[in-house]
Structure formats: structure tokens, C-alpha cells
Amino acid sequence: MISICIVCNISFKVKKQRNGKYCTAQCYWKSLKGKSLAPTTQFKKGQIPWIKGKKSPYAGAKHWHWGGGKTVNKNGYILIYRPDHPYAQKRGVIFEHRLVMEEQLGRYLTKEEAVHHLNGIKTDNRPKNLIVCSYSEHKIKYHPDNGKATRFA
């Protein structure tokens, strides 16, 4: 099919994948000169979207993917949603094994304390399977051949 370029008025053969308006990419870019490539928005400057500051009606327990606040992270540890906990992460979650030990001891664990799973199963958070120790002690006793001591072991 033969078409005429809308920029330079030269006739050219249209390829299947092209729309047939421009003979070359250079003509296409010339046609855009002076036009804004930024996406247009429906809001005027200073206008606030209607959803801003409002909570979704399907947030938390009302959401169809809600799993009771329990998730498993990429390292295999169980995370519990507790946004009011003093040591909760940004998303409001904390490791379940730390919560179990805090309930057992009756106090919050410090950031310098590590919780070790005796049987090595990261999802087995029974109190008899967990012990508390410092991070350095945890690395020396339980992971001597592992690289650096991590804060989440």
C-alpha cells in the first residue's frame, strides 16, 4: 500500500506493522516537536482526588485476600500484622517467633536479642523450640560457618 507522509509529503510504501502516517522515524519525531509528551491528567493544580485520605472499604479483614494478618516472607519466616508493636517494620509486621518469645518472657525483646529455632524449622514457633540470645552469641554458637550474622535469624 502506498501512502503520503504528513510531514514531508513524500509517497512511501507502508509496512504491515506501521500506521502509514510517516515515511521515517525522523518525520514522526518532527511531528511531535513542540508537543508535550507528559501524560495529561484530569486534575487541576491544587485539586485533591476524592480518594485522598480515605480508607478503602476493603482494607484489612474485609479484603478478600486477607489471611488473618499472617504472611510468610521470602526467607521462610512467618510475619504477623501488628502495627501498634514498638518494633514493627514499616508495613506494620513483626516476626512471629519474636512475638512468641515476648509473650513467654513477658517483655519486649531488644533489637540486640536474637531468637533461634532449635530444630532449624523457621515456621515451628512453639515456645519449647525457641531460645533467646544475643546476635553475636547466636552467630558463634549456631551459625559458625555461615557468613555474617543477620538481624533476622
Protein backbone atom coordinates (compact mmCIF):
# COMPACT_ATOMS: atom_id res chain seq x y z
CA MET A 1 0.00 0.00 0.00
CA ILE A 2 1.30 3.46 -0.89
CA SER A 3 0.76 6.43 1.45
CA ILE A 4 1.91 10.07 1.73
CA CYS A 5 3.92 11.28 4.72
CA ILE A 6 2.02 14.00 6.64
CA VAL A 7 5.28 15.83 7.50
CA CYS A 8 7.32 15.88 4.28
CA ASN A 9 4.61 14.94 1.68
CA ILE A 10 6.73 12.14 0.17
CA SER A 11 4.94 8.99 -1.03
CA PHE A 12 6.17 5.74 0.53
CA LYS A 13 5.28 2.07 0.77
CA VAL A 14 3.56 1.21 4.11
CA LYS A 15 4.83 -1.82 6.03
CA LYS A 16 2.34 -4.09 7.78
CA GLN A 17 3.28 -3.06 11.33
CA ARG A 18 3.25 0.71 10.60
CA ASN A 19 0.24 3.03 10.66
CA GLY A 20 1.09 4.74 7.36
CA LYS A 21 1.30 8.38 8.50
CA TYR A 22 5.10 8.92 8.45
CA CYS A 23 7.76 7.80 6.00
CA THR A 24 10.56 7.62 8.62
CA ALA A 25 11.07 7.83 12.37
CA GLN A 26 12.63 11.27 11.85
CA CYS A 27 9.35 12.53 10.37
CA TYR A 28 7.47 11.07 13.32
CA TRP A 29 9.71 12.91 15.82
CA LYS A 30 9.41 16.14 13.78
CA SER A 31 5.62 15.87 14.08
CA LEU A 32 5.96 15.74 17.88
CA LYS A 33 8.16 18.84 18.09
CA GLY A 34 6.57 21.41 20.37
CA LYS A 35 4.01 18.93 21.76
CA SER A 36 4.12 17.84 25.41
CA LEU A 37 4.85 14.15 25.90
CA ALA A 38 3.76 14.28 29.56
CA PRO A 39 0.56 12.37 30.30
CA THR A 40 -2.48 14.56 30.67
CA THR A 41 -4.32 14.49 33.98
CA GLN A 42 -7.91 15.20 34.86
CA PHE A 43 -6.94 17.18 37.98
CA LYS A 44 -6.24 20.87 38.04
CA LYS A 45 -3.35 22.29 40.09
CA GLY A 46 -4.26 22.19 43.80
CA GLN A 47 -7.25 19.89 43.30
CA ILE A 48 -7.35 16.89 45.68
CA PRO A 49 -8.54 13.46 44.42
CA TRP A 50 -11.73 12.21 46.09
CA ILE A 51 -9.96 9.09 47.47
CA LYS A 52 -7.11 11.06 49.12
CA GLY A 53 -7.05 10.37 52.87
CA LYS A 54 -9.92 7.87 52.75
CA LYS A 55 -9.51 4.24 53.68
CA SER A 56 -10.63 1.58 51.23
CA PRO A 57 -13.86 -0.20 52.23
CA TYR A 58 -11.99 -3.47 51.56
CA ALA A 59 -8.98 -2.76 53.78
CA GLY A 60 -7.68 -5.27 56.31
CA ALA A 61 -10.03 -8.05 57.35
CA LYS A 62 -12.66 -7.01 54.77
CA HIS A 63 -10.28 -7.64 51.85
CA TRP A 64 -10.80 -10.95 50.03
CA HIS A 65 -7.05 -11.77 50.23
CA TRP A 66 -6.85 -11.18 54.00
CA GLY A 67 -5.15 -14.15 55.62
CA GLY A 68 -5.69 -13.19 59.25
CA GLY A 69 -2.63 -10.94 59.27
CA LYS A 70 -0.17 -13.81 58.74
CA THR A 71 2.27 -13.96 55.83
CA VAL A 72 5.48 -15.83 55.08
CA ASN A 73 8.44 -13.76 53.85
CA LYS A 74 10.94 -14.81 51.18
CA ASN A 75 13.28 -16.29 53.82
CA GLY A 76 10.55 -18.58 55.17
CA TYR A 77 9.76 -16.74 58.43
CA ILE A 78 6.15 -16.08 59.48
CA LEU A 79 5.21 -12.41 59.83
CA ILE A 80 2.25 -11.17 61.90
CA TYR A 81 0.47 -7.85 61.28
CA ARG A 82 0.85 -5.78 64.47
CA PRO A 83 1.16 -2.08 63.52
CA ASP A 84 1.00 -0.99 67.19
CA HIS A 85 4.08 -3.05 68.21
CA PRO A 86 7.09 -0.83 69.08
CA TYR A 87 9.48 -2.90 66.92
CA ALA A 88 7.12 -3.43 63.95
CA GLN A 89 8.58 -2.93 60.49
CA LYS A 90 7.34 -0.22 58.10
CA ARG A 91 4.44 -2.35 56.89
CA GLY A 92 3.37 -3.00 60.50
CA VAL A 93 4.57 -6.62 60.62
CA ILE A 94 6.77 -8.44 63.12
CA PHE A 95 8.28 -11.93 63.16
CA GLU A 96 6.03 -14.47 64.86
CA HIS A 97 8.93 -16.16 66.69
CA ARG A 98 9.83 -12.83 68.32
CA LEU A 99 6.18 -12.34 69.42
CA VAL A 100 6.07 -15.85 70.90
CA MET A 101 9.23 -15.24 72.92
CA GLU A 102 7.99 -11.81 74.08
CA GLU A 103 4.79 -13.42 75.38
CA GLN A 104 6.85 -16.16 77.05
CA LEU A 105 9.21 -13.67 78.75
CA GLY A 106 6.56 -11.06 79.49
CA ARG A 107 8.58 -8.21 77.95
CA TYR A 108 9.61 -6.82 74.57
CA LEU A 109 12.80 -8.19 73.07
CA THR A 110 15.52 -5.63 72.44
CA LYS A 111 16.98 -5.08 68.99
CA GLU A 112 20.21 -6.76 70.18
CA GLU A 113 18.45 -10.04 71.03
CA ALA A 114 18.02 -12.85 68.51
CA VAL A 115 15.59 -15.77 68.62
CA HIS A 116 16.94 -19.14 67.49
CA HIS A 117 14.86 -22.10 66.26
CA LEU A 118 16.43 -25.17 67.88
CA ASN A 119 15.24 -27.65 65.23
CA GLY A 120 16.05 -25.25 62.34
CA ILE A 121 12.47 -25.13 61.03
CA LYS A 122 11.64 -21.45 60.58
CA THR A 123 7.87 -21.94 60.79
CA ASP A 124 7.99 -24.02 64.01
CA ASN A 125 7.36 -21.25 66.53
CA ARG A 126 6.49 -23.32 69.60
CA PRO A 127 8.00 -21.85 72.81
CA LYS A 128 9.96 -25.05 73.55
CA ASN A 129 11.64 -24.78 70.11
CA LEU A 130 12.83 -21.18 70.63
CA ILE A 131 15.65 -19.66 72.65
CA VAL A 132 16.75 -16.03 73.07
CA CYS A 133 20.38 -14.95 72.83
CA SER A 134 22.44 -12.00 71.60
CA TYR A 135 23.15 -11.73 67.88
CA SER A 136 26.89 -12.33 68.33
CA GLU A 137 26.24 -15.38 70.55
CA HIS A 138 23.70 -16.64 68.02
CA LYS A 139 26.21 -16.48 65.20
CA ILE A 140 29.07 -18.07 67.16
CA LYS A 141 27.04 -20.95 68.65
CA TYR A 142 24.52 -21.78 65.97
CA HIS A 143 25.88 -20.48 62.65
CA PRO A 144 29.69 -20.51 62.88
CA ASP A 145 30.27 -21.38 59.20
CA ASN A 146 27.58 -19.02 57.90
CA GLY A 147 28.73 -15.59 56.63
CA LYS A 148 27.70 -12.51 58.63
CA ALA A 149 25.21 -12.62 61.48
CA THR A 150 21.88 -11.26 60.29
CA ARG A 151 19.34 -9.33 62.31
CA PHE A 152 16.53 -11.66 61.25
CA ALA A 153 17.76 -15.09 62.22
